């Protein structure tokens, strides 16, 4: 049973990582990265590494996508103003 869960988790990680690379819009890519972080946390839990899973959940699923979304928002605002970043 455990081997089946590991294989399913690995397939989900591979699918979400492929989706993260395939998506072109940075805002959507951040959301897909959050899903990738969740699937990695599930994989770490299945592999009996709950401390790593909690760290992945906090950093990979919450903080990194949030920072990317905030950066995209800031860049788009500057692009709309058209002042060249000044």
PDB file of N, CA and C in Angstrom:
ATOM      1  N   UNK A   1       0.824  -1.192   0.000  1.00  0.00           N
ATOM      2  CA  UNK A   1       0.000   0.000   0.000  1.00  0.00           C
ATOM      3  C   UNK A   1       0.867   1.254   0.000  1.00  0.00           C
ATOM      4  N   UNK A   2       1.932   1.231   0.760  1.00  0.00           N
ATOM      5  CA  UNK A   2       2.809   2.388   0.856  1.00  0.00           C
ATOM      6  C   UNK A   2       3.486   2.686  -0.482  1.00  0.00           C
ATOM      7  N   UNK A   3       3.878   1.637  -1.197  1.00  0.00           N
ATOM      8  CA  UNK A   3       4.513   1.840  -2.501  1.00  0.00           C
ATOM      9  C   UNK A   3       3.548   2.483  -3.493  1.00  0.00           C
ATOM     10  N   UNK A   4       2.289   2.108  -3.403  1.00  0.00           N
ATOM     11  CA  UNK A   4       1.291   2.691  -4.294  1.00  0.00           C
ATOM     12  C   UNK A   4       1.130   4.179  -3.998  1.00  0.00           C
ATOM     13  N   UNK A   5       1.116   4.554  -2.717  1.00  0.00           N
ATOM     14  CA  UNK A   5       0.999   5.961  -2.345  1.00  0.00           C
ATOM     15  C   UNK A   5       2.211   6.773  -2.809  1.00  0.00           C
ATOM     16  N   UNK A   6       3.384   6.194  -2.713  1.00  0.00           N
ATOM     17  CA  UNK A   6       4.595   6.876  -3.163  1.00  0.00           C
ATOM     18  C   UNK A   6       4.536   7.107  -4.668  1.00  0.00           C
ATOM     19  N   UNK A   7       4.128   6.092  -5.408  1.00  0.00           N
ATOM     20  CA  UNK A   7       4.047   6.223  -6.867  1.00  0.00           C
ATOM     21  C   UNK A   7       3.004   7.267  -7.254  1.00  0.00           C
ATOM     22  N   UNK A   8       1.862   7.244  -6.604  1.00  0.00           N
ATOM     23  CA  UNK A   8       0.820   8.240  -6.897  1.00  0.00           C
ATOM     24  C   UNK A   8       1.315   9.643  -6.571  1.00  0.00           C
ATOM     25  N   UNK A   9       1.990   9.792  -5.450  1.00  0.00           N
ATOM     26  CA  UNK A   9       2.525  11.101  -5.071  1.00  0.00           C
ATOM     27  C   UNK A   9       3.575  11.586  -6.067  1.00  0.00           C
ATOM     28  N   UNK A  10       4.433  10.676  -6.510  1.00  0.00           N
ATOM     29  CA  UNK A  10       5.452  11.051  -7.488  1.00  0.00           C
ATOM     30  C   UNK A  10       4.835  11.472  -8.818  1.00  0.00           C
ATOM     31  N   UNK A  11       3.790  10.780  -9.224  1.00  0.00           N
ATOM     32  CA  UNK A  11       3.100  11.150 -10.466  1.00  0.00           C
ATOM     33  C   UNK A  11       2.465  12.532 -10.330  1.00  0.00           C
ATOM     34  N   UNK A  12       1.854  12.803  -9.188  1.00  0.00           N
ATOM     35  CA  UNK A  12       1.258  14.123  -8.963  1.00  0.00           C
ATOM     36  C   UNK A  12       2.314  15.229  -8.937  1.00  0.00           C
ATOM     37  N   UNK A  13       3.460  14.951  -8.332  1.00  0.00           N
ATOM     38  CA  UNK A  13       4.545  15.932  -8.307  1.00  0.00           C
ATOM     39  C   UNK A  13       5.051  16.190  -9.721  1.00  0.00           C
ATOM     40  N   UNK A  14       5.239  15.116 -10.484  1.00  0.00           N
ATOM     41  CA  UNK A  14       5.717  15.279 -11.860  1.00  0.00           C
ATOM     42  C   UNK A  14       4.713  16.063 -12.708  1.00  0.00           C
ATOM     43  N   UNK A  15       3.434  15.787 -12.539  1.00  0.00           N
ATOM     44  CA  UNK A  15       2.405  16.490 -13.312  1.00  0.00           C
ATOM     45  C   UNK A  15       2.348  17.969 -12.940  1.00  0.00           C
ATOM     46  N   UNK A  16       2.409  18.273 -11.651  1.00  0.00           N
ATOM     47  CA  UNK A  16       2.335  19.679 -11.249  1.00  0.00           C
ATOM     48  C   UNK A  16       3.616  20.432 -11.602  1.00  0.00           C
ATOM     49  N   UNK A  17       4.766  19.768 -11.569  1.00  0.00           N
ATOM     50  CA  UNK A  17       6.009  20.423 -11.983  1.00  0.00           C
ATOM     51  C   UNK A  17       5.990  20.712 -13.481  1.00  0.00           C
ATOM     52  N   UNK A  18       5.461  19.780 -14.253  1.00  0.00           N
ATOM     53  CA  UNK A  18       5.334  20.007 -15.692  1.00  0.00           C
ATOM     54  C   UNK A  18       4.375  21.153 -15.975  1.00  0.00           C
ATOM     55  N   UNK A  19       3.290  21.208 -15.230  1.00  0.00           N
ATOM     56  CA  UNK A  19       2.330  22.307 -15.404  1.00  0.00           C
ATOM     57  C   UNK A  19       2.965  23.647 -15.028  1.00  0.00           C
ATOM     58  N   UNK A  20       3.801  23.664 -14.005  1.00  0.00           N
ATOM     59  CA  UNK A  20       4.457  24.907 -13.594  1.00  0.00           C
ATOM     60  C   UNK A  20       5.395  25.421 -14.681  1.00  0.00           C
ATOM     61  N   UNK A  21       6.035  24.510 -15.390  1.00  0.00           N
ATOM     62  CA  UNK A  21       6.931  24.913 -16.469  1.00  0.00           C
ATOM     63  C   UNK A  21       6.139  25.332 -17.697  1.00  0.00           C
ATOM     64  N   UNK A  22       5.010  24.696 -17.948  1.00  0.00           N
ATOM     65  CA  UNK A  22       4.231  24.941 -19.164  1.00  0.00           C
ATOM     66  C   UNK A  22       3.438  26.244 -19.112  1.00  0.00           C
ATOM     67  N   UNK A  23       3.059  26.691 -17.932  1.00  0.00           N
ATOM     68  CA  UNK A  23       2.256  27.910 -17.803  1.00  0.00           C
ATOM     69  C   UNK A  23       3.140  29.121 -18.063  1.00  0.00           C
ATOM     70  N   UNK A  24       2.639  30.064 -18.859  1.00  0.00           N
ATOM     71  CA  UNK A  24       3.428  31.238 -19.243  1.00  0.00           C
ATOM     72  C   UNK A  24       3.124  32.486 -18.413  1.00  0.00           C
ATOM     73  N   UNK A  25       1.894  32.641 -17.957  1.00  0.00           N
ATOM     74  CA  UNK A  25       1.519  33.819 -17.184  1.00  0.00           C
ATOM     75  C   UNK A  25       2.103  33.716 -15.773  1.00  0.00           C
ATOM     76  N   UNK A  26       2.888  34.708 -15.335  1.00  0.00           N
ATOM     77  CA  UNK A  26       3.533  34.612 -14.019  1.00  0.00           C
ATOM     78  C   UNK A  26       2.551  34.482 -12.850  1.00  0.00           C
ATOM     79  N   UNK A  27       1.404  35.119 -12.925  1.00  0.00           N
ATOM     80  CA  UNK A  27       0.437  35.011 -11.828  1.00  0.00           C
ATOM     81  C   UNK A  27      -0.116  33.590 -11.743  1.00  0.00           C
ATOM     82  N   UNK A  28      -0.457  33.025 -12.874  1.00  0.00           N
ATOM     83  CA  UNK A  28      -0.934  31.635 -12.867  1.00  0.00           C
ATOM     84  C   UNK A  28       0.180  30.669 -12.482  1.00  0.00           C
ATOM     85  N   UNK A  29       1.398  30.997 -12.901  1.00  0.00           N
ATOM     86  CA  UNK A  29       2.524  30.140 -12.563  1.00  0.00           C
ATOM     87  C   UNK A  29       2.738  30.105 -11.046  1.00  0.00           C
ATOM     88  N   UNK A  30       2.523  31.220 -10.386  1.00  0.00           N
ATOM     89  CA  UNK A  30       2.648  31.244  -8.924  1.00  0.00           C
ATOM     90  C   UNK A  30       1.612  30.338  -8.278  1.00  0.00           C
ATOM     91  N   UNK A  31       0.406  30.331  -8.816  1.00  0.00           N
ATOM     92  CA  UNK A  31      -0.626  29.448  -8.267  1.00  0.00           C
ATOM     93  C   UNK A  31      -0.292  27.978  -8.515  1.00  0.00           C
ATOM     94  N   UNK A  32       0.260  27.685  -9.682  1.00  0.00           N
ATOM     95  CA  UNK A  32       0.651  26.308  -9.967  1.00  0.00           C
ATOM     96  C   UNK A  32       1.819  25.903  -9.061  1.00  0.00           C
ATOM     97  N   UNK A  33       2.717  26.848  -8.759  1.00  0.00           N
ATOM     98  CA  UNK A  33       3.796  26.555  -7.828  1.00  0.00           C
ATOM     99  C   UNK A  33       3.262  26.247  -6.429  1.00  0.00           C
ATOM    100  N   UNK A  34       2.180  26.895  -6.040  1.00  0.00           N
ATOM    101  CA  UNK A  34       1.556  26.578  -4.756  1.00  0.00           C
ATOM    102  C   UNK A  34       1.022  25.154  -4.757  1.00  0.00           C
ATOM    103  N   UNK A  35       0.432  24.746  -5.872  1.00  0.00           N
ATOM    104  CA  UNK A  35      -0.051  23.364  -5.984  1.00  0.00           C
ATOM    105  C   UNK A  35       1.127  22.396  -5.949  1.00  0.00           C
ATOM    106  N   UNK A  36       2.219  22.753  -6.628  1.00  0.00           N
ATOM    107  CA  UNK A  36       3.416  21.913  -6.592  1.00  0.00           C
ATOM    108  C   UNK A  36       3.944  21.773  -5.168  1.00  0.00           C
ATOM    109  N   UNK A  37       3.937  22.861  -4.424  1.00  0.00           N
ATOM    110  CA  UNK A  37       4.364  22.797  -3.026  1.00  0.00           C
ATOM    111  C   UNK A  37       3.485  21.881  -2.193  1.00  0.00           C
ATOM    112  N   UNK A  38       2.193  21.922  -2.469  1.00  0.00           N
ATOM    113  CA  UNK A  38       1.266  21.039  -1.747  1.00  0.00           C
ATOM    114  C   UNK A  38       1.539  19.565  -2.082  1.00  0.00           C
ATOM    115  N   UNK A  39       1.749  19.287  -3.360  1.00  0.00           N
ATOM    116  CA  UNK A  39       1.999  17.891  -3.739  1.00  0.00           C
ATOM    117  C   UNK A  39       3.329  17.402  -3.178  1.00  0.00           C
ATOM    118  N   UNK A  40       4.318  18.284  -3.128  1.00  0.00           N
ATOM    119  CA  UNK A  40       5.583  17.890  -2.512  1.00  0.00           C
ATOM    120  C   UNK A  40       5.409  17.640  -1.016  1.00  0.00           C
ATOM    121  N   UNK A  41       4.594  18.442  -0.357  1.00  0.00           N
ATOM    122  CA  UNK A  41       4.330  18.224   1.070  1.00  0.00           C
ATOM    123  C   UNK A  41       3.646  16.880   1.289  1.00  0.00           C
ATOM    124  N   UNK A  42       2.721  16.536   0.394  1.00  0.00           N
ATOM    125  CA  UNK A  42       2.071  15.220   0.491  1.00  0.00           C
ATOM    126  C   UNK A  42       3.093  14.108   0.290  1.00  0.00           C
ATOM    127  N   UNK A  43       3.976  14.284  -0.690  1.00  0.00           N
ATOM    128  CA  UNK A  43       5.011  13.272  -0.939  1.00  0.00           C
ATOM    129  C   UNK A  43       5.906  13.097   0.281  1.00  0.00           C
ATOM    130  N   UNK A  44       6.326  14.200   0.890  1.00  0.00           N
ATOM    131  CA  UNK A  44       7.179  14.101   2.077  1.00  0.00           C
ATOM    132  C   UNK A  44       6.440  13.439   3.237  1.00  0.00           C
ATOM    133  N   UNK A  45       5.151  13.686   3.338  1.00  0.00           N
ATOM    134  CA  UNK A  45       4.368  13.037   4.389  1.00  0.00           C
ATOM    135  C   UNK A  45       4.286  11.538   4.155  1.00  0.00           C
ATOM    136  N   UNK A  46       4.074  11.152   2.899  1.00  0.00           N
ATOM    137  CA  UNK A  46       4.019   9.722   2.562  1.00  0.00           C
ATOM    138  C   UNK A  46       5.364   9.065   2.827  1.00  0.00           C
ATOM    139  N   UNK A  47       6.448   9.807   2.590  1.00  0.00           N
ATOM    140  CA  UNK A  47       7.789   9.268   2.829  1.00  0.00           C
ATOM    141  C   UNK A  47       8.208   9.377   4.293  1.00  0.00           C
ATOM    142  N   UNK A  48       7.275   9.715   5.163  1.00  0.00           N
ATOM    143  CA  UNK A  48       7.462   9.783   6.609  1.00  0.00           C
ATOM    144  C   UNK A  48       8.498  10.824   7.024  1.00  0.00           C
ATOM    145  N   UNK A  49       8.381  12.007   6.427  1.00  0.00           N
ATOM    146  CA  UNK A  49       9.222  13.137   6.805  1.00  0.00           C
ATOM    147  C   UNK A  49       8.311  14.333   7.107  1.00  0.00           C
ATOM    148  N   UNK A  50       7.590  14.271   8.231  1.00  0.00           N
ATOM    149  CA  UNK A  50       6.604  15.328   8.510  1.00  0.00           C
ATOM    150  C   UNK A  50       7.229  16.693   8.754  1.00  0.00           C
ATOM    151  N   UNK A  51       8.439  16.752   9.304  1.00  0.00           N
ATOM    152  CA  UNK A  51       9.074  18.046   9.517  1.00  0.00           C
ATOM    153  C   UNK A  51       9.416  18.725   8.193  1.00  0.00           C
ATOM    154  N   UNK A  52       9.893  17.955   7.242  1.00  0.00           N
ATOM    155  CA  UNK A  52      10.186  18.500   5.921  1.00  0.00           C
ATOM    156  C   UNK A  52       8.885  18.894   5.221  1.00  0.00           C
ATOM    157  N   UNK A  53       7.841  18.101   5.418  1.00  0.00           N
ATOM    158  CA  UNK A  53       6.551  18.399   4.810  1.00  0.00           C
ATOM    159  C   UNK A  53       5.985  19.713   5.336  1.00  0.00           C
ATOM    160  N   UNK A  54       6.112  19.960   6.634  1.00  0.00           N
ATOM    161  CA  UNK A  54       5.625  21.222   7.204  1.00  0.00           C
ATOM    162  C   UNK A  54       6.427  22.411   6.686  1.00  0.00           C
ATOM    163  N   UNK A  55       7.734  22.236   6.561  1.00  0.00           N
ATOM    164  CA  UNK A  55       8.560  23.311   6.009  1.00  0.00           C
ATOM    165  C   UNK A  55       8.192  23.585   4.559  1.00  0.00           C
ATOM    166  N   UNK A  56       7.986  22.532   3.791  1.00  0.00           N
ATOM    167  CA  UNK A  56       7.588  22.684   2.392  1.00  0.00           C
ATOM    168  C   UNK A  56       6.221  23.349   2.291  1.00  0.00           C
ATOM    169  N   UNK A  57       5.341  22.987   3.169  1.00  0.00           N
ATOM    170  CA  UNK A  57       4.007  23.582   3.172  1.00  0.00           C
ATOM    171  C   UNK A  57       4.077  25.086   3.436  1.00  0.00           C
ATOM    172  N   UNK A  58       4.920  25.477   4.383  1.00  0.00           N
ATOM    173  CA  UNK A  58       5.025  26.900   4.715  1.00  0.00           C
ATOM    174  C   UNK A  58       5.741  27.692   3.627  1.00  0.00           C
ATOM    175  N   UNK A  59       6.870  27.180   3.178  1.00  0.00           N
ATOM    176  CA  UNK A  59       7.690  27.935   2.237  1.00  0.00           C
ATOM    177  C   UNK A  59       7.222  27.733   0.797  1.00  0.00           C
ATOM    178  N   UNK A  60       7.090  26.486   0.378  1.00  0.00           N
ATOM    179  CA  UNK A  60       6.787  26.201  -1.015  1.00  0.00           C
ATOM    180  C   UNK A  60       5.352  26.454  -1.415  1.00  0.00           C
ATOM    181  N   UNK A  61       4.443  26.353  -0.471  1.00  0.00           N
ATOM    182  CA  UNK A  61       3.029  26.527  -0.803  1.00  0.00           C
ATOM    183  C   UNK A  61       2.478  27.889  -0.444  1.00  0.00           C
ATOM    184  N   UNK A  62       3.156  28.607   0.433  1.00  0.00           N
ATOM    185  CA  UNK A  62       2.608  29.882   0.880  1.00  0.00           C
ATOM    186  C   UNK A  62       3.536  31.060   0.586  1.00  0.00           C
ATOM    187  N   UNK A  63       4.743  31.022   1.093  1.00  0.00           N
ATOM    188  CA  UNK A  63       5.608  32.193   1.000  1.00  0.00           C
ATOM    189  C   UNK A  63       6.127  32.462  -0.411  1.00  0.00           C
ATOM    190  N   UNK A  64       6.628  31.446  -1.080  1.00  0.00           N
ATOM    191  CA  UNK A  64       7.187  31.653  -2.420  1.00  0.00           C
ATOM    192  C   UNK A  64       6.132  32.137  -3.415  1.00  0.00           C
ATOM    193  N   UNK A  65       4.963  31.485  -3.521  1.00  0.00           N
ATOM    194  CA  UNK A  65       3.947  32.028  -4.432  1.00  0.00           C
ATOM    195  C   UNK A  65       3.486  33.438  -4.057  1.00  0.00           C
ATOM    196  N   UNK A  66       3.407  33.720  -2.760  1.00  0.00           N
ATOM    197  CA  UNK A  66       3.016  35.057  -2.323  1.00  0.00           C
ATOM    198  C   UNK A  66       4.032  36.097  -2.779  1.00  0.00           C
ATOM    199  N   UNK A  67       5.317  35.807  -2.606  1.00  0.00           N
ATOM    200  CA  UNK A  67       6.349  36.741  -3.044  1.00  0.00           C
ATOM    201  C   UNK A  67       6.333  36.925  -4.557  1.00  0.00           C
ATOM    202  N   UNK A  68       6.091  35.860  -5.296  1.00  0.00           N
ATOM    203  CA  UNK A  68       6.014  35.977  -6.753  1.00  0.00           C
ATOM    204  C   UNK A  68       4.819  36.832  -7.153  1.00  0.00           C
ATOM    205  N   UNK A  69       3.671  36.590  -6.535  1.00  0.00           N
ATOM    206  CA  UNK A  69       2.481  37.391  -6.862  1.00  0.00           C
ATOM    207  C   UNK A  69       2.672  38.868  -6.527  1.00  0.00           C
ATOM    208  N   UNK A  70       3.296  39.160  -5.409  1.00  0.00           N
ATOM    209  CA  UNK A  70       3.556  40.551  -5.047  1.00  0.00           C
ATOM    210  C   UNK A  70       4.537  41.207  -6.020  1.00  0.00           C
ATOM    211  N   UNK A  71       5.537  40.457  -6.446  1.00  0.00           N
ATOM    212  CA  UNK A  71       6.496  40.988  -7.423  1.00  0.00           C
ATOM    213  C   UNK A  71       5.833  41.254  -8.762  1.00  0.00           C
ATOM    214  N   UNK A  72       5.000  40.328  -9.202  1.00  0.00           N
ATOM    215  CA  UNK A  72       4.292  40.513 -10.475  1.00  0.00           C
ATOM    216  C   UNK A  72       3.388  41.728 -10.395  1.00  0.00           C
ATOM    217  N   UNK A  73       2.713  41.887  -9.279  1.00  0.00           N
ATOM    218  CA  UNK A  73       1.821  43.038  -9.097  1.00  0.00           C
ATOM    219  C   UNK A  73       2.602  44.348  -9.172  1.00  0.00           C
ATOM    220  N   UNK A  74       3.759  44.380  -8.518  1.00  0.00           N
ATOM    221  CA  UNK A  74       4.584  45.585  -8.512  1.00  0.00           C
ATOM    222  C   UNK A  74       5.098  45.905  -9.913  1.00  0.00           C
ATOM    223  N   UNK A  75       5.543  44.904 -10.646  1.00  0.00           N
ATOM    224  CA  UNK A  75       6.061  45.116 -11.997  1.00  0.00           C
ATOM    225  C   UNK A  75       4.948  45.576 -12.923  1.00  0.00           C
ATOM    226  N   UNK A  76       3.769  44.999 -12.803  1.00  0.00           N
ATOM    227  CA  UNK A  76       2.653  45.408 -13.663  1.00  0.00           C
ATOM    228  C   UNK A  76       2.212  46.833 -13.367  1.00  0.00           C
ATOM    229  N   UNK A  77       2.268  47.246 -12.115  1.00  0.00           N
ATOM    230  CA  UNK A  77       1.918  48.623 -11.768  1.00  0.00           C
ATOM    231  C   UNK A  77       2.886  49.612 -12.395  1.00  0.00           C
ATOM    232  N   UNK A  78       4.178  49.274 -12.326  1.00  0.00           N
ATOM    233  CA  UNK A  78       5.177  50.164 -12.919  1.00  0.00           C
ATOM    234  C   UNK A  78       5.032  50.224 -14.428  1.00  0.00           C
ATOM    235  N   UNK A  79       4.671  49.110 -15.042  1.00  0.00           N
ATOM    236  CA  UNK A  79       4.468  49.075 -16.489  1.00  0.00           C
ATOM    237  C   UNK A  79       3.270  49.900 -16.916  1.00  0.00           C
ATOM    238  N   UNK A  80       2.265  49.966 -16.079  1.00  0.00           N
ATOM    239  CA  UNK A  80       1.068  50.740 -16.409  1.00  0.00           C
ATOM    240  C   UNK A  80       1.304  52.237 -16.274  1.00  0.00           C
ATOM    241  N   UNK A  81       2.152  52.607 -15.322  1.00  0.00           N
ATOM    242  CA  UNK A  81       2.453  54.034 -15.145  1.00  0.00           C
ATOM    243  C   UNK A  81       3.303  54.561 -16.292  1.00  0.00           C
ATOM    244  N   UNK A  82       4.201  53.705 -16.800  1.00  0.00           N
ATOM    245  CA  UNK A  82       5.035  54.092 -17.922  1.00  0.00           C
ATOM    246  C   UNK A  82       6.087  55.110 -17.612  1.00  0.00           C
ATOM    247  N   UNK A  83       6.528  55.180 -16.361  1.00  0.00           N
ATOM    248  CA  UNK A  83       7.528  56.191 -16.009  1.00  0.00           C
ATOM    249  C   UNK A  83       8.934  55.603 -15.954  1.00  0.00           C
ATOM    250  N   UNK A  84       9.106  54.382 -16.391  1.00  0.00           N
ATOM    251  CA  UNK A  84      10.443  53.796 -16.426  1.00  0.00           C
ATOM    252  C   UNK A  84      11.006  53.440 -15.067  1.00  0.00           C
ATOM    253  N   UNK A  85      10.157  53.306 -14.063  1.00  0.00           N
ATOM    254  CA  UNK A  85      10.617  52.880 -12.742  1.00  0.00           C
ATOM    255  C   UNK A  85      11.131  54.016 -11.875  1.00  0.00           C
ATOM    256  N   UNK A  86      10.782  55.244 -12.208  1.00  0.00           N
ATOM    257  CA  UNK A  86      11.263  56.369 -11.398  1.00  0.00           C
ATOM    258  C   UNK A  86      10.186  56.931 -10.544  1.00  0.00           C
TER     259      UNK A  86
END
